[in-house]
Amino acid sequence: MKTTETDYRCGYVAIVGRPNVGKSTLLNYLVGQKVSITSRKPQTTRHQILGIKTTSHYQVIYVDTPGLHKNASRAMNRYMNRAATSVLHGVNVVIFLIEALRWTDEDEMVLSRIKDSEIPAILLVNKVDKLEDKSKLLSFLQEISIKHSFEHIIPVSALKGNNLDELEKVIFDYLEVSSPWYSDDMVTDRSIRFLTAEIIREKLMRGLGQEVPYDLTVEIESFKEKENVTHINALIWVERANQKSIVIGKKGERLKSIGKQSRKDIEKLLDKKVYLELWVKVKEGWSDDERALLSLGYKDELE
């Protein structure tokens, strides 16, 4: 039996933490499908991304954020920090994600932002499935618990879904009595073009070395429907000429492989055949140029 309008609940939940703690993996699991890209490299997420979970009793709008980091020397880093901190206004509760048995200066910085916001915070201790000696976890949880008056402290595995049902039960208590704010068929507020560009960037992040992924972005130049096939042209922007040759690879093999992997995932997203063309171009210094960032879609969420 469907919940009546008088007791249906709805609300926003921010997911924050330092880079590479598993925020996007957590979001994807909670929503039940992939809406945020993932890779082993930190700073994969660059934008706020909504993941919407709707049931007959409640609707939760999760907000995935870039990892907060101390080194914000470039315009891109400053943009990501703004995207991460701006979410700490107007949400019902914050999920603060950290890694089991690890506490860093960046974790401390994220916690200071949470304290300043005065929003109720749930501490989620992730990657407990990777612990070889789980007996150390209890003392770690005790140490962390004195850092802030967290509403709850829950050890989880975002990758395997361990204990996330407990998290969802806890979140329900912070939602407002309200009808749903988004239609029940929506899982994100992001456009298909945005998700397509992110899929391509994910394959680049996973397929390239340590340096190049942070100096590239993806722009969808055209997106056209032709005879039951979606034709997509995408530009991969890098900062230096030598990076262009790295992305393309020997005889174009790396770019071809990235295109093939991207096309498969885009076809799953669209549920139809896709013809994808990728081009690599150089735009020097784009990641440290506020105007260039704006032209490539890096717009502050509050604007």
C-alpha atoms as a PDB file:
ATOM      1  CA  MET A   1       0.000   0.000   0.000  1.00  0.00           C
ATOM      2  CA  LYS A   2       1.400   3.383  -1.014  1.00  0.00           C
ATOM      3  CA  THR A   3       2.213   5.886   1.720  1.00  0.00           C
ATOM      4  CA  THR A   4      -0.231   8.802   1.851  1.00  0.00           C
ATOM      5  CA  GLU A   5       0.821  12.367   1.081  1.00  0.00           C
ATOM      6  CA  THR A   6       0.601  13.262   4.777  1.00  0.00           C
ATOM      7  CA  ASP A   7       3.388  10.885   5.819  1.00  0.00           C
ATOM      8  CA  TYR A   8       5.514  10.658   2.669  1.00  0.00           C
ATOM      9  CA  ARG A   9       9.063  11.972   3.229  1.00  0.00           C
ATOM     10  CA  CYS A  10      11.589  13.713   1.054  1.00  0.00           C
ATOM     11  CA  GLY A  11      14.942  15.435   1.509  1.00  0.00           C
ATOM     12  CA  TYR A  12      18.505  16.174   0.426  1.00  0.00           C
ATOM     13  CA  VAL A  13      21.520  14.233   1.688  1.00  0.00           C
ATOM     14  CA  ALA A  14      25.043  15.500   0.956  1.00  0.00           C
ATOM     15  CA  ILE A  15      27.897  13.022   0.533  1.00  0.00           C
ATOM     16  CA  VAL A  16      31.227  14.659   1.392  1.00  0.00           C
ATOM     17  CA  GLY A  17      34.790  13.544   2.055  1.00  0.00           C
ATOM     18  CA  ARG A  18      38.353  13.835   0.848  1.00  0.00           C
ATOM     19  CA  PRO A  19      39.293  12.503  -2.616  1.00  0.00           C
ATOM     20  CA  ASN A  20      39.164   8.776  -3.309  1.00  0.00           C
ATOM     21  CA  VAL A  21      37.200   7.572  -0.274  1.00  0.00           C
ATOM     22  CA  GLY A  22      34.381   6.057  -2.367  1.00  0.00           C
ATOM     23  CA  LYS A  23      31.698   8.778  -2.545  1.00  0.00           C
ATOM     24  CA  SER A  24      30.644   8.020  -6.121  1.00  0.00           C
ATOM     25  CA  THR A  25      30.652   4.265  -5.486  1.00  0.00           C
ATOM     26  CA  LEU A  26      28.385   4.901  -2.492  1.00  0.00           C
ATOM     27  CA  LEU A  27      26.009   7.072  -4.513  1.00  0.00           C
ATOM     28  CA  ASN A  28      25.721   4.526  -7.322  1.00  0.00           C
ATOM     29  CA  TYR A  29      24.941   1.726  -4.879  1.00  0.00           C
ATOM     30  CA  LEU A  30      22.319   3.728  -2.984  1.00  0.00           C
ATOM     31  CA  VAL A  31      20.543   4.844  -6.157  1.00  0.00           C
ATOM     32  CA  GLY A  32      20.759   1.385  -7.716  1.00  0.00           C
ATOM     33  CA  GLN A  33      22.428   2.397 -10.954  1.00  0.00           C
ATOM     34  CA  LYS A  34      25.446   4.279 -12.194  1.00  0.00           C
ATOM     35  CA  VAL A  35      24.983   8.051 -12.167  1.00  0.00           C
ATOM     36  CA  SER A  36      28.482   9.102 -11.083  1.00  0.00           C
ATOM     37  CA  ILE A  37      31.715   7.919 -12.692  1.00  0.00           C
ATOM     38  CA  THR A  38      34.366   6.097 -10.712  1.00  0.00           C
ATOM     39  CA  SER A  39      38.060   5.290 -10.974  1.00  0.00           C
ATOM     40  CA  ARG A  40      40.925   4.477  -8.635  1.00  0.00           C
ATOM     41  CA  LYS A  41      42.338   7.955  -9.181  1.00  0.00           C
ATOM     42  CA  PRO A  42      41.454  10.739  -6.723  1.00  0.00           C
ATOM     43  CA  GLN A  43      39.470  13.762  -7.936  1.00  0.00           C
ATOM     44  CA  THR A  44      37.529  11.742 -10.528  1.00  0.00           C
ATOM     45  CA  THR A  45      34.314  13.584  -9.604  1.00  0.00           C
ATOM     46  CA  ARG A  46      34.419  17.253 -10.599  1.00  0.00           C
ATOM     47  CA  HIS A  47      30.807  18.369 -10.267  1.00  0.00           C
ATOM     48  CA  GLN A  48      27.896  18.089  -7.876  1.00  0.00           C
ATOM     49  CA  ILE A  49      25.770  15.198  -9.121  1.00  0.00           C
ATOM     50  CA  LEU A  50      22.299  14.354  -7.857  1.00  0.00           C
ATOM     51  CA  GLY A  51      21.300  10.728  -7.416  1.00  0.00           C
ATOM     52  CA  ILE A  52      17.574  10.321  -6.759  1.00  0.00           C
ATOM     53  CA  LYS A  53      16.112   7.290  -5.011  1.00  0.00           C
ATOM     54  CA  THR A  54      12.314   7.071  -4.950  1.00  0.00           C
ATOM     55  CA  THR A  55      10.272   4.471  -3.083  1.00  0.00           C
ATOM     56  CA  SER A  56       6.612   4.266  -2.095  1.00  0.00           C
ATOM     57  CA  HIS A  57       7.526   5.767   1.313  1.00  0.00           C
ATOM     58  CA  TYR A  58      10.220   8.332   0.618  1.00  0.00           C
ATOM     59  CA  GLN A  59      12.439  10.109  -1.901  1.00  0.00           C
ATOM     60  CA  VAL A  60      16.084  10.816  -1.088  1.00  0.00           C
ATOM     61  CA  ILE A  61      18.098  13.234  -3.236  1.00  0.00           C
ATOM     62  CA  TYR A  62      21.740  12.330  -2.670  1.00  0.00           C
ATOM     63  CA  VAL A  63      24.317  14.930  -3.700  1.00  0.00           C
ATOM     64  CA  ASP A  64      27.691  13.500  -4.705  1.00  0.00           C
ATOM     65  CA  THR A  65      30.503  16.052  -4.472  1.00  0.00           C
ATOM     66  CA  PRO A  66      34.138  16.360  -5.553  1.00  0.00           C
ATOM     67  CA  GLY A  67      36.668  15.398  -2.893  1.00  0.00           C
ATOM     68  CA  LEU A  68      37.760  18.333  -0.761  1.00  0.00           C
ATOM     69  CA  HIS A  69      41.522  18.806  -0.904  1.00  0.00           C
ATOM     70  CA  LYS A  70      43.962  21.259   0.634  1.00  0.00           C
ATOM     71  CA  ASN A  71      46.006  21.936  -2.493  1.00  0.00           C
ATOM     72  CA  ALA A  72      43.731  24.292  -4.439  1.00  0.00           C
ATOM     73  CA  SER A  73      46.366  26.062  -6.486  1.00  0.00           C
ATOM     74  CA  ARG A  74      44.637  25.746  -9.877  1.00  0.00           C
ATOM     75  CA  ALA A  75      41.281  27.174 -10.930  1.00  0.00           C
ATOM     76  CA  MET A  76      39.963  23.618 -11.410  1.00  0.00           C
ATOM     77  CA  ASN A  77      40.861  22.677  -7.826  1.00  0.00           C
ATOM     78  CA  ARG A  78      39.222  25.833  -6.503  1.00  0.00           C
ATOM     79  CA  TYR A  79      36.100  25.065  -8.566  1.00  0.00           C
ATOM     80  CA  MET A  80      35.907  21.538  -7.126  1.00  0.00           C
ATOM     81  CA  ASN A  81      36.304  22.818  -3.570  1.00  0.00           C
ATOM     82  CA  ARG A  82      33.495  25.324  -4.151  1.00  0.00           C
ATOM     83  CA  ALA A  83      31.289  22.565  -5.608  1.00  0.00           C
ATOM     84  CA  ALA A  84      31.956  20.409  -2.547  1.00  0.00           C
ATOM     85  CA  THR A  85      31.414  23.068   0.134  1.00  0.00           C
ATOM     86  CA  SER A  86      28.402  24.805  -1.429  1.00  0.00           C
ATOM     87  CA  VAL A  87      26.340  21.665  -0.808  1.00  0.00           C
ATOM     88  CA  LEU A  88      26.661  22.196   2.950  1.00  0.00           C
ATOM     89  CA  HIS A  89      23.686  24.552   2.869  1.00  0.00           C
ATOM     90  CA  GLY A  90      20.067  23.530   2.674  1.00  0.00           C
ATOM     91  CA  VAL A  91      20.499  19.759   3.024  1.00  0.00           C
ATOM     92  CA  ASN A  92      18.800  17.681   5.694  1.00  0.00           C
ATOM     93  CA  VAL A  93      21.823  15.663   6.727  1.00  0.00           C
ATOM     94  CA  VAL A  94      25.454  15.137   5.710  1.00  0.00           C
ATOM     95  CA  ILE A  95      27.160  11.801   5.136  1.00  0.00           C
ATOM     96  CA  PHE A  96      30.835  12.247   5.965  1.00  0.00           C
ATOM     97  CA  LEU A  97      32.709   9.406   4.293  1.00  0.00           C
ATOM     98  CA  ILE A  98      36.146   8.387   5.531  1.00  0.00           C
ATOM     99  CA  GLU A  99      38.371   5.344   5.021  1.00  0.00           C
ATOM    100  CA  ALA A 100      38.686   2.726   7.760  1.00  0.00           C
ATOM    101  CA  LEU A 101      41.872   3.096   9.854  1.00  0.00           C
ATOM    102  CA  ARG A 102      42.896   6.277   8.013  1.00  0.00           C
ATOM    103  CA  TRP A 103      42.564   9.868   9.169  1.00  0.00           C
ATOM    104  CA  THR A 104      44.361  12.597   7.209  1.00  0.00           C
ATOM    105  CA  ASP A 105      44.731  16.373   7.247  1.00  0.00           C
ATOM    106  CA  GLU A 106      42.181  16.504   4.433  1.00  0.00           C
ATOM    107  CA  ASP A 107      39.685  14.528   6.538  1.00  0.00           C
ATOM    108  CA  GLU A 108      40.261  17.088   9.302  1.00  0.00           C
ATOM    109  CA  MET A 109      39.609  19.912   6.840  1.00  0.00           C
ATOM    110  CA  VAL A 110      36.335  18.327   5.672  1.00  0.00           C
ATOM    111  CA  LEU A 111      35.246  17.888   9.285  1.00  0.00           C
ATOM    112  CA  SER A 112      35.931  21.565  10.031  1.00  0.00           C
ATOM    113  CA  ARG A 113      33.603  22.542   7.142  1.00  0.00           C
ATOM    114  CA  ILE A 114      30.913  20.224   8.499  1.00  0.00           C
ATOM    115  CA  LYS A 115      31.249  21.751  11.982  1.00  0.00           C
ATOM    116  CA  ASP A 116      30.922  25.255  10.514  1.00  0.00           C
ATOM    117  CA  SER A 117      27.739  24.234   8.670  1.00  0.00           C
ATOM    118  CA  GLU A 118      26.082  22.964  11.878  1.00  0.00           C
ATOM    119  CA  ILE A 119      24.179  20.376   9.791  1.00  0.00           C
ATOM    120  CA  PRO A 120      23.589  16.935  11.394  1.00  0.00           C
ATOM    121  CA  ALA A 121      26.339  14.562  10.231  1.00  0.00           C
ATOM    122  CA  ILE A 122      26.505  10.802   9.892  1.00  0.00           C
ATOM    123  CA  LEU A 123      30.025   9.391   9.871  1.00  0.00           C
ATOM    124  CA  LEU A 124      30.388   6.543   7.402  1.00  0.00           C
ATOM    125  CA  VAL A 125      33.579   4.509   7.768  1.00  0.00           C
ATOM    126  CA  ASN A 126      34.159   2.922   4.369  1.00  0.00           C
ATOM    127  CA  LYS A 127      36.238   0.020   2.981  1.00  0.00           C
ATOM    128  CA  VAL A 128      35.904  -2.149   6.091  1.00  0.00           C
ATOM    129  CA  ASP A 129      35.807  -5.169   3.763  1.00  0.00           C
ATOM    130  CA  LYS A 130      39.485  -4.545   2.970  1.00  0.00           C
ATOM    131  CA  LEU A 131      40.661  -4.720   6.588  1.00  0.00           C
ATOM    132  CA  GLU A 132      42.911  -7.683   7.297  1.00  0.00           C
ATOM    133  CA  ASP A 133      42.730  -7.173  11.056  1.00  0.00           C
ATOM    134  CA  LYS A 134      39.183  -6.098  11.905  1.00  0.00           C
ATOM    135  CA  SER A 135      40.009  -5.996  15.625  1.00  0.00           C
ATOM    136  CA  LYS A 136      41.637  -2.604  15.029  1.00  0.00           C
ATOM    137  CA  LEU A 137      38.369  -1.095  13.828  1.00  0.00           C
ATOM    138  CA  LEU A 138      36.783  -0.677  17.268  1.00  0.00           C
ATOM    139  CA  SER A 139      39.637   1.422  18.673  1.00  0.00           C
ATOM    140  CA  PHE A 140      39.644   3.513  15.463  1.00  0.00           C
ATOM    141  CA  LEU A 141      35.915   4.183  15.806  1.00  0.00           C
ATOM    142  CA  GLN A 142      36.421   5.226  19.418  1.00  0.00           C
ATOM    143  CA  GLU A 143      39.185   7.666  18.432  1.00  0.00           C
ATOM    144  CA  ILE A 144      37.071   9.195  15.657  1.00  0.00           C
ATOM    145  CA  SER A 145      33.940   9.488  17.808  1.00  0.00           C
ATOM    146  CA  ILE A 146      35.505  12.147  20.039  1.00  0.00           C
ATOM    147  CA  LYS A 147      36.271  14.454  17.106  1.00  0.00           C
ATOM    148  CA  HIS A 148      32.641  15.523  16.670  1.00  0.00           C
ATOM    149  CA  SER A 149      29.181  14.768  17.993  1.00  0.00           C
ATOM    150  CA  PHE A 150      28.186  12.622  15.015  1.00  0.00           C
ATOM    151  CA  GLU A 151      24.538  11.575  14.861  1.00  0.00           C
ATOM    152  CA  HIS A 152      25.605   8.033  13.983  1.00  0.00           C
ATOM    153  CA  ILE A 153      28.848   6.203  13.163  1.00  0.00           C
ATOM    154  CA  ILE A 154      28.382   3.314  10.722  1.00  0.00           C
ATOM    155  CA  PRO A 155      31.115   1.041   9.305  1.00  0.00           C
ATOM    156  CA  VAL A 156      30.303   0.072   5.689  1.00  0.00           C
ATOM    157  CA  SER A 157      31.562  -1.208   2.385  1.00  0.00           C
ATOM    158  CA  ALA A 158      30.218   1.040  -0.380  1.00  0.00           C
ATOM    159  CA  LEU A 159      31.560  -1.371  -2.994  1.00  0.00           C
ATOM    160  CA  LYS A 160      29.833  -4.443  -1.600  1.00  0.00           C
ATOM    161  CA  GLY A 161      26.856  -2.712  -0.004  1.00  0.00           C
ATOM    162  CA  ASN A 162      27.659  -3.947   3.489  1.00  0.00           C
ATOM    163  CA  ASN A 163      25.553  -2.173   6.157  1.00  0.00           C
ATOM    164  CA  LEU A 164      24.061   0.342   3.716  1.00  0.00           C
ATOM    165  CA  ASP A 165      20.553  -0.809   4.621  1.00  0.00           C
ATOM    166  CA  GLU A 166      21.301   0.447   8.143  1.00  0.00           C
ATOM    167  CA  LEU A 167      22.388   3.788   6.687  1.00  0.00           C
ATOM    168  CA  GLU A 168      19.130   4.146   4.729  1.00  0.00           C
ATOM    169  CA  LYS A 169      17.049   3.459   7.846  1.00  0.00           C
ATOM    170  CA  VAL A 170      18.943   6.200   9.675  1.00  0.00           C
ATOM    171  CA  ILE A 171      18.579   8.701   6.797  1.00  0.00           C
ATOM    172  CA  PHE A 172      14.783   8.315   6.791  1.00  0.00           C
ATOM    173  CA  ASP A 173      14.569  10.032  10.188  1.00  0.00           C
ATOM    174  CA  TYR A 174      16.094  13.239   8.773  1.00  0.00           C
ATOM    175  CA  LEU A 175      13.754  13.591   5.790  1.00  0.00           C
ATOM    176  CA  GLU A 176      10.923  16.114   5.797  1.00  0.00           C
ATOM    177  CA  VAL A 177       7.264  15.200   5.572  1.00  0.00           C
ATOM    178  CA  SER A 178       6.694  16.211   1.969  1.00  0.00           C
ATOM    179  CA  SER A 179       5.523  14.929  -1.375  1.00  0.00           C
ATOM    180  CA  PRO A 180       8.370  13.934  -3.754  1.00  0.00           C
ATOM    181  CA  TRP A 181      10.210  16.783  -5.462  1.00  0.00           C
ATOM    182  CA  TYR A 182      11.233  14.801  -8.547  1.00  0.00           C
ATOM    183  CA  SER A 183       9.230  12.414 -10.727  1.00  0.00           C
ATOM    184  CA  ASP A 184       9.628   8.763  -9.763  1.00  0.00           C
ATOM    185  CA  ASP A 185      11.375   7.855 -13.036  1.00  0.00           C
ATOM    186  CA  MET A 186      14.257  10.313 -12.490  1.00  0.00           C
ATOM    187  CA  VAL A 187      17.550   8.998 -11.090  1.00  0.00           C
ATOM    188  CA  THR A 188      19.613  12.156 -11.711  1.00  0.00           C
ATOM    189  CA  ASP A 189      19.103  15.773 -12.727  1.00  0.00           C
ATOM    190  CA  ARG A 190      22.014  15.661 -15.185  1.00  0.00           C
ATOM    191  CA  SER A 191      21.446  15.688 -18.954  1.00  0.00           C
ATOM    192  CA  ILE A 192      22.231  12.791 -21.277  1.00  0.00           C
ATOM    193  CA  ARG A 193      24.970  14.911 -22.872  1.00  0.00           C
ATOM    194  CA  PHE A 194      26.596  15.443 -19.479  1.00  0.00           C
ATOM    195  CA  LEU A 195      26.426  11.733 -18.607  1.00  0.00           C
ATOM    196  CA  THR A 196      27.858  10.840 -22.024  1.00  0.00           C
ATOM    197  CA  ALA A 197      30.828  13.169 -21.537  1.00  0.00           C
ATOM    198  CA  GLU A 198      31.389  11.728 -18.056  1.00  0.00           C
ATOM    199  CA  ILE A 199      31.398   8.146 -19.381  1.00  0.00           C
ATOM    200  CA  ILE A 200      34.136   9.076 -21.867  1.00  0.00           C
ATOM    201  CA  ARG A 201      36.121  10.863 -19.155  1.00  0.00           C
ATOM    202  CA  GLU A 202      35.818   7.815 -16.899  1.00  0.00           C
ATOM    203  CA  LYS A 203      37.410   5.596 -19.576  1.00  0.00           C
ATOM    204  CA  LEU A 204      40.183   8.160 -19.975  1.00  0.00           C
ATOM    205  CA  MET A 205      40.764   8.315 -16.207  1.00  0.00           C
ATOM    206  CA  ARG A 206      40.983   4.542 -16.033  1.00  0.00           C
ATOM    207  CA  GLY A 207      43.059   4.047 -19.175  1.00  0.00           C
ATOM    208  CA  LEU A 208      45.735   6.705 -18.762  1.00  0.00           C
ATOM    209  CA  GLY A 209      48.653   7.213 -16.391  1.00  0.00           C
ATOM    210  CA  GLN A 210      48.799   9.420 -13.329  1.00  0.00           C
ATOM    211  CA  GLU A 211      49.291  12.897 -14.783  1.00  0.00           C
ATOM    212  CA  VAL A 212      47.275  13.252 -17.991  1.00  0.00           C
ATOM    213  CA  PRO A 213      43.725  12.605 -16.619  1.00  0.00           C
ATOM    214  CA  TYR A 214      43.877  15.714 -14.430  1.00  0.00           C
ATOM    215  CA  ASP A 215      44.691  17.895 -17.442  1.00  0.00           C
ATOM    216  CA  LEU A 216      41.855  16.745 -19.682  1.00  0.00           C
ATOM    217  CA  THR A 217      38.137  17.263 -20.012  1.00  0.00           C
ATOM    218  CA  VAL A 218      35.465  16.109 -22.450  1.00  0.00           C
ATOM    219  CA  GLU A 219      33.042  18.284 -24.398  1.00  0.00           C
ATOM    220  CA  ILE A 220      30.150  16.914 -26.475  1.00  0.00           C
ATOM    221  CA  GLU A 221      30.285  18.814 -29.753  1.00  0.00           C
ATOM    222  CA  SER A 222      27.239  17.218 -31.385  1.00  0.00           C
ATOM    223  CA  PHE A 223      24.533  14.731 -30.404  1.00  0.00           C
ATOM    224  CA  LYS A 224      22.197  13.757 -33.258  1.00  0.00           C
ATOM    225  CA  GLU A 225      19.602  11.048 -33.865  1.00  0.00           C
ATOM    226  CA  LYS A 226      19.841   9.475 -37.335  1.00  0.00           C
ATOM    227  CA  GLU A 227      17.923   6.375 -38.448  1.00  0.00           C
ATOM    228  CA  ASN A 228      17.749   4.711 -35.006  1.00  0.00           C
ATOM    229  CA  VAL A 229      21.438   5.461 -34.374  1.00  0.00           C
ATOM    230  CA  THR A 230      22.702   8.247 -32.103  1.00  0.00           C
ATOM    231  CA  HIS A 231      25.702  10.017 -33.660  1.00  0.00           C
ATOM    232  CA  ILE A 232      27.965  11.626 -31.083  1.00  0.00           C
ATOM    233  CA  ASN A 233      31.045  13.758 -31.694  1.00  0.00           C
ATOM    234  CA  ALA A 234      33.128  14.424 -28.590  1.00  0.00           C
ATOM    235  CA  LEU A 235      36.183  16.605 -28.070  1.00  0.00           C
ATOM    236  CA  ILE A 236      38.846  15.591 -25.570  1.00  0.00           C
ATOM    237  CA  TRP A 237      40.679  18.734 -24.454  1.00  0.00           C
ATOM    238  CA  VAL A 238      44.222  18.424 -23.097  1.00  0.00           C
ATOM    239  CA  GLU A 239      46.674  21.107 -22.020  1.00  0.00           C
ATOM    240  CA  ARG A 240      49.841  20.163 -23.925  1.00  0.00           C
ATOM    241  CA  ALA A 241      50.735  18.701 -27.303  1.00  0.00           C
ATOM    242  CA  ASN A 242      52.592  15.737 -25.792  1.00  0.00           C
ATOM    243  CA  GLN A 243      49.432  14.831 -23.850  1.00  0.00           C
ATOM    244  CA  LYS A 244      47.520  14.670 -27.120  1.00  0.00           C
ATOM    245  CA  SER A 245      49.867  11.996 -28.449  1.00  0.00           C
ATOM    246  CA  ILE A 246      49.569  10.046 -25.166  1.00  0.00           C
ATOM    247  CA  VAL A 247      45.764  10.046 -25.361  1.00  0.00           C
ATOM    248  CA  ILE A 248      45.803   8.984 -29.018  1.00  0.00           C
ATOM    249  CA  GLY A 249      48.443   6.291 -28.442  1.00  0.00           C
ATOM    250  CA  LYS A 250      50.555   4.399 -30.951  1.00  0.00           C
ATOM    251  CA  LYS A 251      48.754   4.312 -34.310  1.00  0.00           C
ATOM    252  CA  GLY A 252      45.635   5.611 -32.540  1.00  0.00           C
ATOM    253  CA  GLU A 253      45.158   2.373 -30.596  1.00  0.00           C
ATOM    254  CA  ARG A 254      44.539   3.941 -27.162  1.00  0.00           C
ATOM    255  CA  LEU A 255      41.937   6.378 -28.450  1.00  0.00           C
ATOM    256  CA  LYS A 256      40.265   3.567 -30.378  1.00  0.00           C
ATOM    257  CA  SER A 257      40.103   1.420 -27.225  1.00  0.00           C
ATOM    258  CA  ILE A 258      38.696   4.292 -25.133  1.00  0.00           C
ATOM    259  CA  GLY A 259      36.107   4.941 -27.854  1.00  0.00           C
ATOM    260  CA  LYS A 260      35.051   1.292 -27.924  1.00  0.00           C
ATOM    261  CA  GLN A 261      34.669   1.085 -24.127  1.00  0.00           C
ATOM    262  CA  SER A 262      32.801   4.403 -24.018  1.00  0.00           C
ATOM    263  CA  ARG A 263      30.429   3.420 -26.822  1.00  0.00           C
ATOM    264  CA  LYS A 264      29.375   0.238 -25.001  1.00  0.00           C
ATOM    265  CA  ASP A 265      28.459   2.143 -21.847  1.00  0.00           C
ATOM    266  CA  ILE A 266      26.727   4.947 -23.763  1.00  0.00           C
ATOM    267  CA  GLU A 267      24.628   2.357 -25.627  1.00  0.00           C
ATOM    268  CA  LYS A 268      23.566   0.924 -22.251  1.00  0.00           C
ATOM    269  CA  LEU A 269      22.665   4.422 -21.069  1.00  0.00           C
ATOM    270  CA  LEU A 270      20.635   5.260 -24.193  1.00  0.00           C
ATOM    271  CA  ASP A 271      19.413   1.716 -24.870  1.00  0.00           C
ATOM    272  CA  LYS A 272      20.151   2.141 -28.571  1.00  0.00           C
ATOM    273  CA  LYS A 273      22.980   1.934 -31.088  1.00  0.00           C
ATOM    274  CA  VAL A 274      25.632   4.658 -30.946  1.00  0.00           C
ATOM    275  CA  TYR A 275      28.163   5.932 -33.466  1.00  0.00           C
ATOM    276  CA  LEU A 276      30.888   7.724 -31.498  1.00  0.00           C
ATOM    277  CA  GLU A 277      33.695   9.871 -32.853  1.00  0.00           C
ATOM    278  CA  LEU A 278      36.428  11.173 -30.564  1.00  0.00           C
ATOM    279  CA  TRP A 279      38.802  14.020 -31.357  1.00  0.00           C
ATOM    280  CA  VAL A 280      41.707  15.241 -29.229  1.00  0.00           C
ATOM    281  CA  LYS A 281      42.559  18.950 -29.160  1.00  0.00           C
ATOM    282  CA  VAL A 282      44.948  21.137 -27.186  1.00  0.00           C
ATOM    283  CA  LYS A 283      43.738  24.122 -25.130  1.00  0.00           C
ATOM    284  CA  GLU A 284      46.754  25.314 -23.173  1.00  0.00           C
ATOM    285  CA  GLY A 285      46.170  26.080 -19.504  1.00  0.00           C
ATOM    286  CA  TRP A 286      42.405  25.447 -19.629  1.00  0.00           C
ATOM    287  CA  SER A 287      42.306  23.963 -16.093  1.00  0.00           C
ATOM    288  CA  ASP A 288      43.756  27.137 -14.554  1.00  0.00           C
ATOM    289  CA  ASP A 289      41.638  29.584 -16.547  1.00  0.00           C
ATOM    290  CA  GLU A 290      38.296  30.581 -14.990  1.00  0.00           C
ATOM    291  CA  ARG A 291      36.880  31.714 -18.345  1.00  0.00           C
ATOM    292  CA  ALA A 292      37.914  28.486 -20.088  1.00  0.00           C
ATOM    293  CA  LEU A 293      36.378  26.436 -17.277  1.00  0.00           C
ATOM    294  CA  LEU A 294      33.098  28.290 -17.661  1.00  0.00           C
ATOM    295  CA  SER A 295      33.050  27.726 -21.424  1.00  0.00           C
ATOM    296  CA  LEU A 296      33.610  23.989 -20.852  1.00  0.00           C
ATOM    297  CA  GLY A 297      30.658  23.670 -18.474  1.00  0.00           C
ATOM    298  CA  TYR A 298      32.350  24.143 -15.091  1.00  0.00           C
ATOM    299  CA  LYS A 299      29.767  26.517 -13.686  1.00  0.00           C
ATOM    300  CA  ASP A 300      29.356  27.084  -9.960  1.00  0.00           C
ATOM    301  CA  GLU A 301      26.227  25.284  -8.736  1.00  0.00           C
ATOM    302  CA  LEU A 302      24.904  28.314  -6.845  1.00  0.00           C
ATOM    303  CA  GLU A 303      25.037  30.668  -9.816  1.00  0.00           C
END
